[in-house]
Protein backbone atom coordinates (compact mmCIF):
# COMPACT_ATOMS: atom_id res chain seq x y z
CA MET A 1 51.51 37.81 80.45
CA GLU A 2 52.71 41.27 81.43
CA ASP A 3 55.06 41.47 84.41
CA ASN A 4 54.25 44.58 86.46
CA ASN A 5 57.01 43.99 89.00
CA PRO A 6 59.78 46.61 89.10
CA PRO A 7 63.19 45.30 87.98
CA PRO A 8 65.57 44.03 90.66
CA THR A 9 68.38 46.31 91.78
CA LYS A 10 72.04 45.42 92.12
CA TYR A 11 72.12 47.31 95.42
CA ARG A 12 70.68 45.98 98.66
CA ILE A 13 67.40 47.65 99.52
CA VAL A 14 67.18 49.42 102.87
CA CYS A 15 63.76 50.64 104.08
CA CYS A 16 63.65 53.08 107.00
CA ILE A 17 60.15 53.32 108.46
CA GLY A 18 59.08 56.31 110.54
CA ASP A 19 57.17 56.54 113.80
CA ILE A 20 54.00 54.40 113.83
CA HIS A 21 52.46 55.57 117.12
CA GLY A 22 49.79 52.93 117.51
CA TYR A 23 48.21 53.14 114.03
CA ILE A 24 47.92 49.56 112.79
CA THR A 25 46.00 50.38 109.59
CA LYS A 26 48.62 52.93 108.57
CA LEU A 27 51.37 50.38 109.23
CA GLN A 28 49.60 47.67 107.23
CA ASN A 29 48.97 50.02 104.30
CA LEU A 30 52.55 51.28 104.31
CA TRP A 31 53.91 47.74 104.36
CA SER A 32 51.64 46.78 101.46
CA ASN A 33 52.83 49.81 99.49
CA LEU A 34 56.48 48.91 100.08
CA GLU A 35 55.77 45.38 98.83
CA SER A 36 54.11 46.83 95.73
CA LEU A 37 56.88 49.30 94.98
CA ILE A 38 59.94 47.10 95.48
CA ASN A 39 60.87 44.15 93.29
CA PRO A 40 59.81 40.97 95.16
CA SER A 41 63.29 39.43 95.27
CA ASP A 42 64.74 42.71 96.58
CA PHE A 43 61.98 43.13 99.15
CA GLN A 44 62.40 39.59 100.46
CA THR A 45 66.07 40.27 101.25
CA ALA A 46 65.77 43.92 102.30
CA LEU A 47 67.08 45.47 105.48
CA ILE A 48 64.08 46.97 107.28
CA ILE A 49 64.85 49.57 109.94
CA PHE A 50 61.98 50.72 112.13
CA LEU A 51 62.91 54.08 113.62
CA GLY A 52 61.02 53.71 116.92
CA ASP A 53 57.90 55.04 118.67
CA TYR A 54 55.52 52.15 118.06
CA CYS A 55 53.17 53.08 120.92
CA ASP A 56 50.96 55.93 122.20
CA ARG A 57 48.65 58.46 120.51
CA GLY A 58 47.03 55.98 118.10
CA PRO A 59 44.50 53.36 119.30
CA ASP A 60 46.22 50.09 118.35
CA THR A 61 49.58 49.76 120.12
CA SER A 62 48.93 46.11 121.02
CA LYS A 63 48.14 45.22 117.40
CA VAL A 64 51.15 47.18 116.12
CA LEU A 65 53.47 45.16 118.36
CA ASP A 66 51.82 41.92 117.20
CA PHE A 67 52.47 42.93 113.58
CA LEU A 68 56.12 43.82 114.20
CA ILE A 69 56.81 40.67 116.21
CA SER A 70 55.40 38.54 113.35
CA LEU A 71 57.70 39.95 110.65
CA PRO A 72 60.83 37.79 111.17
CA SER A 73 58.83 34.58 110.74
CA LYS A 74 56.80 35.88 107.80
CA TYR A 75 59.83 37.35 106.02
CA PRO A 76 62.73 35.14 107.15
CA LYS A 77 65.19 36.42 104.53
CA GLN A 78 64.74 40.05 105.54
CA SER A 79 66.78 41.67 108.29
CA HIS A 80 64.73 43.63 110.83
CA ILE A 81 66.06 46.33 113.13
CA PHE A 82 63.71 47.72 115.76
CA LEU A 83 65.01 50.96 117.26
CA CYS A 84 63.88 52.20 120.63
CA GLY A 85 62.03 55.50 120.62
CA ASN A 86 61.51 57.71 123.65
CA HIS A 87 57.89 56.52 123.90
CA ASP A 88 58.94 52.86 123.74
CA PHE A 89 61.60 53.40 126.40
CA ALA A 90 59.04 55.02 128.70
CA PHE A 91 56.54 52.20 128.08
CA GLY A 92 59.24 49.64 128.88
CA ALA A 93 60.31 51.60 131.96
CA PHE A 94 56.76 51.46 133.32
CA LEU A 95 56.62 47.70 132.72
CA GLY A 96 60.01 47.19 134.37
CA VAL A 97 61.73 45.67 131.33
CA VAL A 98 64.52 48.21 130.78
CA PRO A 99 67.99 47.21 132.06
CA SER A 100 69.07 48.21 135.54
CA PRO A 101 71.58 51.07 135.87
CA PRO A 102 75.07 49.65 135.23
CA ASP A 103 76.56 51.23 138.36
CA GLY A 104 74.03 49.67 140.73
CA SER A 105 72.23 52.96 141.40
CA GLU A 106 68.47 53.15 141.87
CA PHE A 107 66.02 54.29 139.20
CA SER A 108 64.71 56.80 141.75
CA ASP A 109 68.01 58.65 141.27
CA THR A 110 66.78 59.61 137.79
CA TRP A 111 63.96 61.69 139.30
CA LYS A 112 66.08 64.34 141.00
CA GLU A 113 67.00 66.55 138.05
CA TYR A 114 63.36 66.94 136.98
CA GLU A 115 61.47 66.92 140.30
CA MET A 116 60.29 70.49 139.72
CA ASN A 117 58.03 69.11 136.96
CA GLU A 118 56.42 66.33 139.00
CA GLN A 119 53.25 68.15 140.01
CA ARG A 120 52.59 69.74 136.61
CA GLU A 121 53.19 66.48 134.75
CA GLY A 122 51.34 64.40 137.35
CA TRP A 123 53.92 61.62 137.63
CA TYR A 124 52.65 58.11 138.34
CA LYS A 125 52.46 57.29 142.07
CA GLY A 126 50.78 53.90 141.91
CA GLU A 127 52.03 50.39 142.52
CA GLY A 128 55.76 49.99 141.93
CA PHE A 129 56.58 53.68 141.38
CA GLU A 130 59.30 53.66 144.04
CA LYS A 131 61.60 51.59 141.81
CA MET A 132 60.62 53.10 138.47
CA HIS A 133 62.73 55.12 136.02
CA LEU A 134 61.70 58.76 135.62
CA GLN A 135 60.33 58.21 132.12
CA GLY A 136 58.07 55.36 133.25
CA ARG A 137 56.52 57.62 135.88
CA ARG A 138 56.03 60.45 133.37
CA TRP A 139 54.57 58.03 130.81
CA ALA A 140 51.85 56.66 133.10
CA GLY A 141 51.09 59.93 134.86
CA ASN A 142 48.12 62.26 134.49
CA HIS A 143 49.15 65.59 133.02
CA ASN A 144 47.54 68.42 134.96
CA VAL A 145 47.62 70.72 131.95
CA LYS A 146 45.07 69.19 129.59
CA PHE A 147 45.79 71.16 126.41
CA ASN A 148 49.04 70.80 124.48
CA THR A 149 49.65 74.29 123.12
CA VAL A 150 52.51 73.11 120.87
CA LYS A 151 50.40 70.51 119.06
CA GLY A 152 47.08 72.31 119.41
CA ILE A 153 45.32 69.23 120.80
CA ASP A 154 44.52 67.77 124.22
CA TYR A 155 46.98 65.49 125.97
CA LYS A 156 45.86 61.87 126.01
CA GLY A 157 46.40 61.07 129.69
CA SER A 158 50.08 61.84 130.16
CA ILE A 159 52.75 64.01 128.60
CA TYR A 160 53.47 60.97 126.38
CA ASP A 161 49.82 60.61 125.27
CA ALA A 162 49.91 57.09 126.70
CA ALA A 163 46.20 56.61 127.46
CA PRO A 164 45.47 54.87 124.10
CA THR A 165 48.26 52.36 124.82
CA PHE A 166 46.68 51.40 128.15
CA GLU A 167 43.29 51.13 126.46
CA SER A 168 44.67 48.92 123.67
CA TYR A 169 45.42 46.33 126.38
CA GLY A 170 41.99 46.74 127.96
CA VAL A 171 42.96 48.73 131.07
CA PRO A 172 42.37 52.38 132.05
CA HIS A 173 45.16 54.91 131.79
CA GLY A 174 47.55 54.92 134.73
CA SER A 175 46.50 51.49 136.00
CA ALA A 176 49.14 49.12 137.37
CA ASP A 177 47.06 46.33 135.80
CA LEU A 178 48.86 47.09 132.55
CA MET A 179 51.91 45.27 133.92
CA LYS A 180 49.88 42.04 133.90
CA ALA A 181 47.86 42.80 130.76
CA VAL A 182 50.86 43.19 128.42
CA PRO A 183 51.84 39.74 127.04
CA ASP A 184 55.32 38.40 127.72
CA GLU A 185 56.20 38.52 124.00
CA HIS A 186 55.45 42.26 123.95
CA LYS A 187 57.60 42.80 127.04
CA LYS A 188 60.42 40.85 125.40
CA PHE A 189 60.08 42.95 122.24
CA LEU A 190 60.35 46.18 124.23
CA ALA A 191 63.28 44.85 126.26
CA ASN A 192 65.20 43.91 123.10
CA LEU A 193 64.83 47.24 121.27
CA VAL A 194 68.19 48.73 120.32
CA TRP A 195 69.09 52.34 121.03
CA ILE A 196 71.32 52.65 117.97
CA HIS A 197 72.14 50.63 114.85
CA GLU A 198 75.21 50.91 112.64
CA GLU A 199 75.28 49.48 109.12
CA ASP A 200 78.28 49.56 106.78
CA ASP A 201 78.21 49.86 102.99
CA VAL A 202 74.72 51.29 102.49
CA SER A 203 74.04 52.71 99.03
CA ILE A 204 72.28 56.05 98.62
CA LYS A 205 71.41 58.18 95.60
CA THR A 206 72.99 61.64 95.72
CA GLU A 207 73.50 64.50 93.28
CA GLU A 208 76.91 62.99 92.48
CA GLY A 209 75.43 59.54 91.83
CA ILE A 210 75.21 56.43 94.01
CA LYS A 211 77.42 56.61 97.10
CA ARG A 212 78.29 53.85 99.52
CA CYS A 213 78.22 55.11 103.09
CA LYS A 214 78.03 54.01 106.67
CA LEU A 215 74.52 54.38 108.10
CA ILE A 216 73.70 55.17 111.71
CA ALA A 217 70.06 54.82 112.76
CA VAL A 218 69.02 56.42 116.05
CA HIS A 219 65.57 57.60 117.04
CA ALA A 220 66.20 61.34 117.52
CA GLY A 221 69.81 61.77 116.40
CA LEU A 222 73.34 62.22 117.72
CA GLU A 223 74.30 65.19 119.86
CA LYS A 224 76.56 67.72 118.18
CA SER A 225 78.08 68.69 121.53
CA LYS A 226 79.52 65.28 122.53
CA PRO A 227 82.10 62.96 120.93
CA VAL A 228 80.36 60.50 118.61
CA GLU A 229 82.20 57.39 119.85
CA GLU A 230 81.29 58.23 123.44
CA GLN A 231 77.63 58.53 122.44
CA ILE A 232 77.65 55.28 120.49
CA LYS A 233 79.20 53.43 123.43
CA THR A 234 76.55 54.78 125.83
CA LEU A 235 73.70 53.95 123.45
CA LYS A 236 74.92 50.42 122.78
CA ALA A 237 75.18 49.87 126.54
CA LYS A 238 71.61 51.17 127.10
CA ASP A 239 72.80 53.25 130.04
CA THR A 240 69.64 53.77 132.11
CA ARG A 241 71.36 55.98 134.68
CA ILE A 242 70.51 58.84 132.32
CA PRO A 243 67.18 60.52 133.18
CA LYS A 244 66.60 61.77 129.63
CA VAL A 245 68.52 60.21 126.73
CA GLU A 246 69.04 62.99 124.19
CA ALA A 247 69.59 60.54 121.31
CA LEU A 248 66.06 59.22 121.92
CA SER A 249 64.27 62.43 122.90
CA GLY A 250 66.36 65.49 122.02
CA ARG A 251 65.45 68.19 119.53
CA MET A 252 67.80 70.94 118.32
CA ASP A 253 71.04 69.43 119.62
CA VAL A 254 70.47 66.22 117.63
CA TRP A 255 69.02 67.76 114.47
CA LYS A 256 72.19 67.94 112.37
CA ILE A 257 74.97 65.45 111.66
CA PRO A 258 77.84 65.96 114.13
CA GLN A 259 80.72 67.81 112.51
CA GLU A 260 83.23 65.05 113.22
CA LEU A 261 81.30 62.69 110.91
CA ALA A 262 81.82 65.04 107.95
CA LYS A 263 85.23 63.45 107.27
CA THR A 264 83.68 60.06 106.47
CA PRO A 265 80.30 60.34 104.69
CA THR A 266 77.75 58.92 107.12
CA ILE A 267 73.98 58.68 106.76
CA ILE A 268 72.16 59.57 109.98
CA VAL A 269 68.53 58.45 109.85
CA SER A 270 65.97 59.19 112.56
CA GLY A 271 62.27 59.56 113.25
CA HIS A 272 60.95 61.45 116.30
CA HIS A 273 60.75 65.02 115.02
CA ALA A 274 57.24 65.02 113.47
CA LYS A 275 58.79 66.12 110.18
CA LEU A 276 59.95 64.72 106.87
CA HIS A 277 63.33 66.37 106.36
CA ILE A 278 66.15 65.38 104.02
CA GLU A 279 69.32 67.45 103.96
CA GLY A 280 72.27 65.72 102.36
CA LEU A 281 72.87 62.52 104.33
CA ARG A 282 70.68 63.61 107.27
CA LEU A 283 67.33 61.85 106.95
CA VAL A 284 64.45 62.57 109.34
CA ILE A 285 61.51 60.30 108.51
CA ASP A 286 58.55 61.11 110.76
CA GLU A 287 55.92 62.75 108.61
CA GLY A 288 53.07 61.50 110.78
CA GLY A 289 54.27 62.51 114.24
CA GLY A 290 51.44 60.49 115.76
CA TYR A 291 48.76 62.76 114.31
CA GLU A 292 45.64 60.94 113.16
CA ASP A 293 45.36 62.92 109.92
CA LYS A 294 49.00 62.64 108.81
CA PRO A 295 50.66 59.71 107.02
CA VAL A 296 53.28 57.26 108.22
CA ALA A 297 56.21 57.42 105.81
CA ALA A 298 59.29 55.42 104.87
CA VAL A 299 62.37 56.13 102.78
CA VAL A 300 63.74 53.46 100.45
CA LEU A 301 67.48 53.35 99.79
CA PRO A 302 69.31 53.66 97.52
CA SER A 303 66.58 55.36 95.43
CA MET A 304 65.59 57.84 98.20
CA GLU A 305 61.95 57.31 97.25
CA ILE A 306 59.45 58.33 99.92
CA VAL A 307 56.58 55.90 100.43
CA ARG A 308 53.50 56.68 102.52
CA ASP A 309 50.58 54.66 103.82
CA THR A 310 48.29 57.01 101.87
CA ASP A 311 49.89 56.25 98.49
CA HIS A 312 47.68 54.31 96.09
CA LEU A 313 50.03 51.84 94.44
CA VAL A 314 48.81 49.13 92.09
CA LYS A 315 50.60 45.79 91.92
């Protein structure tokens, strides 16, 4: 009988999965394609890094979280890392499951720097808003500008496009009832998301052959303008005093690998940017960006193969 399974690799497989944004069918198809592509023994022991942004835009956030929560019991020999994206942080902030500021300050202190945007973005003013982090209020608000000129589509409720997440739990956008509708296991999942993950001795295929590098996974990237160790310390501590965490939501300042990491080859892998971009050891894996008509993608290390939910792989 012919064996169609790919041969096992001597290197540990690492799969980095881009932003899912509430699309359960895309997630299921991508997972099936990864299982088809990777040798079964390698897949069963793989390190799976989800790069964040599980909610919003797509219709099935609740089902996506159910799927992710089920993975450790279904694949007990795998290691699963669930990064926090800016959308996930805002969702958790609305639900009240993000950690309190370490200095004892109030979440309302995070509003001040951005108060000029409150009216335009229609920040949430319902039950519990007085003790809510800025991003929770923005997430559940009603954006007064209905058309997103950057994306060329209408906003879905708030600046975060959070309306489909509310609806996936059976409540209307902006309703405080979401706090009761979200199951405890989903709240625990959101509370436990990590802001950064470091992994030593990850193999990656380069023009010079297979290299072993340190890997840092962070949703948007590391800022080029701040010391790396300082950033890592802040991210590991989940410092919620910060109104807007650049490593979760930044753009240009987190696009490249910080210069100080050039001395020791380091893979920086992120989602967030609505692009699939590979430049040396800088990997941005977010081909879908939450758009309905674009795929959810993953990169498999060490081979650097890109796998999409739209691929038609035969076992």
